[in-house]
Amino acid sequence: MLAGFSFGSITAFISAVKQNPEELWLFSFSSYFSEDMPKLKKAWLAYIGHRRAGLFNNLDFDSLAKSIKYKTLIFYGELEARKYPLIGNRSKIANRRIKSSALFEVPNSGHDVTNLNYIKAIQANI
């Protein structure tokens, strides 16, 4: 099993393509793939830096997602999706592209995997 939160969810996702775990758990799946980069605000691109942005530009989500053939759980916070719509959108796209996935929007939770609602959602679905 591989799991990751936020930037770590990208690491888990990419690692899963090569390692083929039995399960993949993505929490607050970050939207930093080549398809997402044009949608990011300039201030956010400056925050992550040119080097990291360049690396993300080389990550084609659709190509990687085709390799995911195992149970994948995708969680994101309801409040998080309001504040950072790209995270909610990336999670929904991932759910559509990964055949064996399930998507969970955590009520009243932001970008915080330690939020009690987030913890309860994880416990109820893993």
Protein backbone atom coordinates (compact mmCIF):
# COMPACT_ATOMS: atom_id res chain seq x y z
CA MET A 1 0.00 0.00 0.00
CA LEU A 2 1.19 3.49 -0.82
CA ALA A 3 -0.29 6.68 0.62
CA GLY A 4 0.44 10.38 0.38
CA PHE A 5 -0.95 13.75 1.43
CA SER A 6 -0.76 16.92 -0.71
CA PHE A 7 2.65 17.01 -2.48
CA GLY A 8 3.22 13.56 -1.01
CA SER A 9 0.19 12.31 -2.92
CA ILE A 10 2.02 13.09 -6.16
CA THR A 11 5.04 11.14 -4.91
CA ALA A 12 2.83 8.18 -3.96
CA PHE A 13 1.03 8.34 -7.32
CA ILE A 14 4.25 8.37 -9.36
CA SER A 15 5.81 5.64 -7.18
CA ALA A 16 2.70 3.49 -7.59
CA VAL A 17 3.13 3.48 -11.36
CA LYS A 18 6.48 1.71 -10.92
CA GLN A 19 5.80 -0.33 -7.78
CA ASN A 20 2.25 -1.64 -8.43
CA PRO A 21 1.05 -1.71 -4.81
CA GLU A 22 -2.11 -3.53 -3.79
CA GLU A 23 -3.71 -0.19 -2.89
CA LEU A 24 -3.07 3.52 -3.36
CA TRP A 25 -4.47 6.17 -1.00
CA LEU A 26 -4.34 9.80 -2.14
CA PHE A 27 -5.21 12.52 0.37
CA SER A 28 -5.68 16.09 -0.92
CA PHE A 29 -4.26 15.05 -4.30
CA SER A 30 -2.23 18.01 -5.51
CA SER A 31 -2.86 19.48 -8.93
CA TYR A 32 0.68 19.81 -10.24
CA PHE A 33 0.70 17.88 -13.47
CA SER A 34 1.40 19.22 -16.96
CA GLU A 35 -2.35 19.60 -17.53
CA ASP A 36 -2.69 21.74 -14.38
CA MET A 37 0.27 24.07 -14.73
CA PRO A 38 -1.39 26.61 -17.09
CA LYS A 39 -4.22 27.01 -14.55
CA LEU A 40 -1.97 27.91 -11.61
CA LYS A 41 -1.71 31.52 -10.51
CA LYS A 42 1.64 33.22 -11.13
CA ALA A 43 2.09 33.84 -7.41
CA TRP A 44 1.74 30.12 -6.72
CA LEU A 45 4.18 29.25 -9.50
CA ALA A 46 6.66 31.69 -7.94
CA TYR A 47 6.10 30.03 -4.56
CA ILE A 48 6.89 26.52 -5.83
CA GLY A 49 9.84 27.78 -7.87
CA HIS A 50 10.87 27.47 -11.50
CA ARG A 51 12.78 24.21 -10.99
CA ARG A 52 9.86 22.40 -9.38
CA ALA A 53 7.39 23.91 -11.88
CA GLY A 54 9.61 22.60 -14.69
CA LEU A 55 9.53 19.11 -13.22
CA PHE A 56 5.75 19.22 -12.84
CA ASN A 57 5.42 20.29 -16.48
CA ASN A 58 6.90 16.91 -17.41
CA LEU A 59 4.28 14.92 -15.46
CA ASP A 60 1.47 13.90 -17.78
CA PHE A 61 -1.35 12.75 -15.50
CA ASP A 62 -3.33 10.88 -18.15
CA SER A 63 -0.32 8.82 -19.24
CA LEU A 64 0.53 7.91 -15.66
CA ALA A 65 -3.09 7.16 -14.71
CA LYS A 66 -3.34 4.48 -17.42
CA SER A 67 -0.87 2.38 -15.42
CA ILE A 68 -2.94 2.43 -12.22
CA LYS A 69 -4.85 -0.87 -12.13
CA TYR A 70 -5.41 -1.37 -8.40
CA LYS A 71 -7.73 -0.09 -5.71
CA THR A 72 -7.24 3.66 -5.30
CA LEU A 73 -8.93 5.77 -2.63
CA ILE A 74 -9.00 9.53 -3.23
CA PHE A 75 -9.92 11.94 -0.42
CA TYR A 76 -10.22 15.72 -0.38
CA GLY A 77 -11.77 18.24 1.99
CA GLU A 78 -14.96 20.06 1.13
CA LEU A 79 -13.59 23.38 2.40
CA GLU A 80 -10.25 22.69 0.74
CA ALA A 81 -11.96 22.34 -2.65
CA ARG A 82 -13.62 25.71 -2.16
CA LYS A 83 -10.33 27.41 -1.29
CA TYR A 84 -8.22 25.45 -3.81
CA PRO A 85 -10.58 24.35 -6.60
CA LEU A 86 -7.77 22.68 -8.54
CA ILE A 87 -7.38 20.06 -5.79
CA GLY A 88 -11.05 19.14 -5.96
CA ASN A 89 -10.93 19.10 -9.76
CA ARG A 90 -7.77 16.96 -9.88
CA SER A 91 -9.35 14.51 -7.43
CA LYS A 92 -12.49 14.21 -9.56
CA ILE A 93 -10.49 13.77 -12.75
CA ALA A 94 -8.36 11.11 -11.08
CA ASN A 95 -11.51 9.27 -10.02
CA ARG A 96 -12.79 9.28 -13.60
CA ARG A 97 -9.47 8.17 -15.15
CA ILE A 98 -8.53 5.47 -12.62
CA LYS A 99 -11.00 2.64 -13.11
CA SER A 100 -10.61 1.04 -9.70
CA SER A 101 -10.89 4.26 -7.71
CA ALA A 102 -13.32 5.67 -5.19
CA LEU A 103 -13.68 9.36 -4.40
CA PHE A 104 -14.51 10.82 -0.97
CA GLU A 105 -15.29 14.47 -0.31
CA VAL A 106 -14.76 15.04 3.41
CA PRO A 107 -17.43 17.39 4.83
CA ASN A 108 -16.29 20.47 6.77
CA SER A 109 -12.61 19.74 6.24
CA GLY A 110 -9.89 21.86 4.73
CA HIS A 111 -6.37 20.95 3.65
CA ASP A 112 -5.75 19.11 6.92
CA VAL A 113 -5.53 15.33 7.14
CA THR A 114 -5.54 15.63 10.96
CA ASN A 115 -9.02 17.18 10.94
CA LEU A 116 -11.42 14.92 12.87
CA ASN A 117 -13.83 14.70 9.90
CA TYR A 118 -10.95 13.72 7.62
CA ILE A 119 -9.82 11.04 10.07
CA LYS A 120 -13.35 9.66 10.37
CA ALA A 121 -13.73 9.54 6.58
CA ILE A 122 -10.46 7.64 6.26
CA GLN A 123 -11.38 5.19 9.02
CA ALA A 124 -14.78 4.55 7.47
CA ASN A 125 -13.38 3.81 4.02
CA ILE A 126 -10.09 1.97 4.35
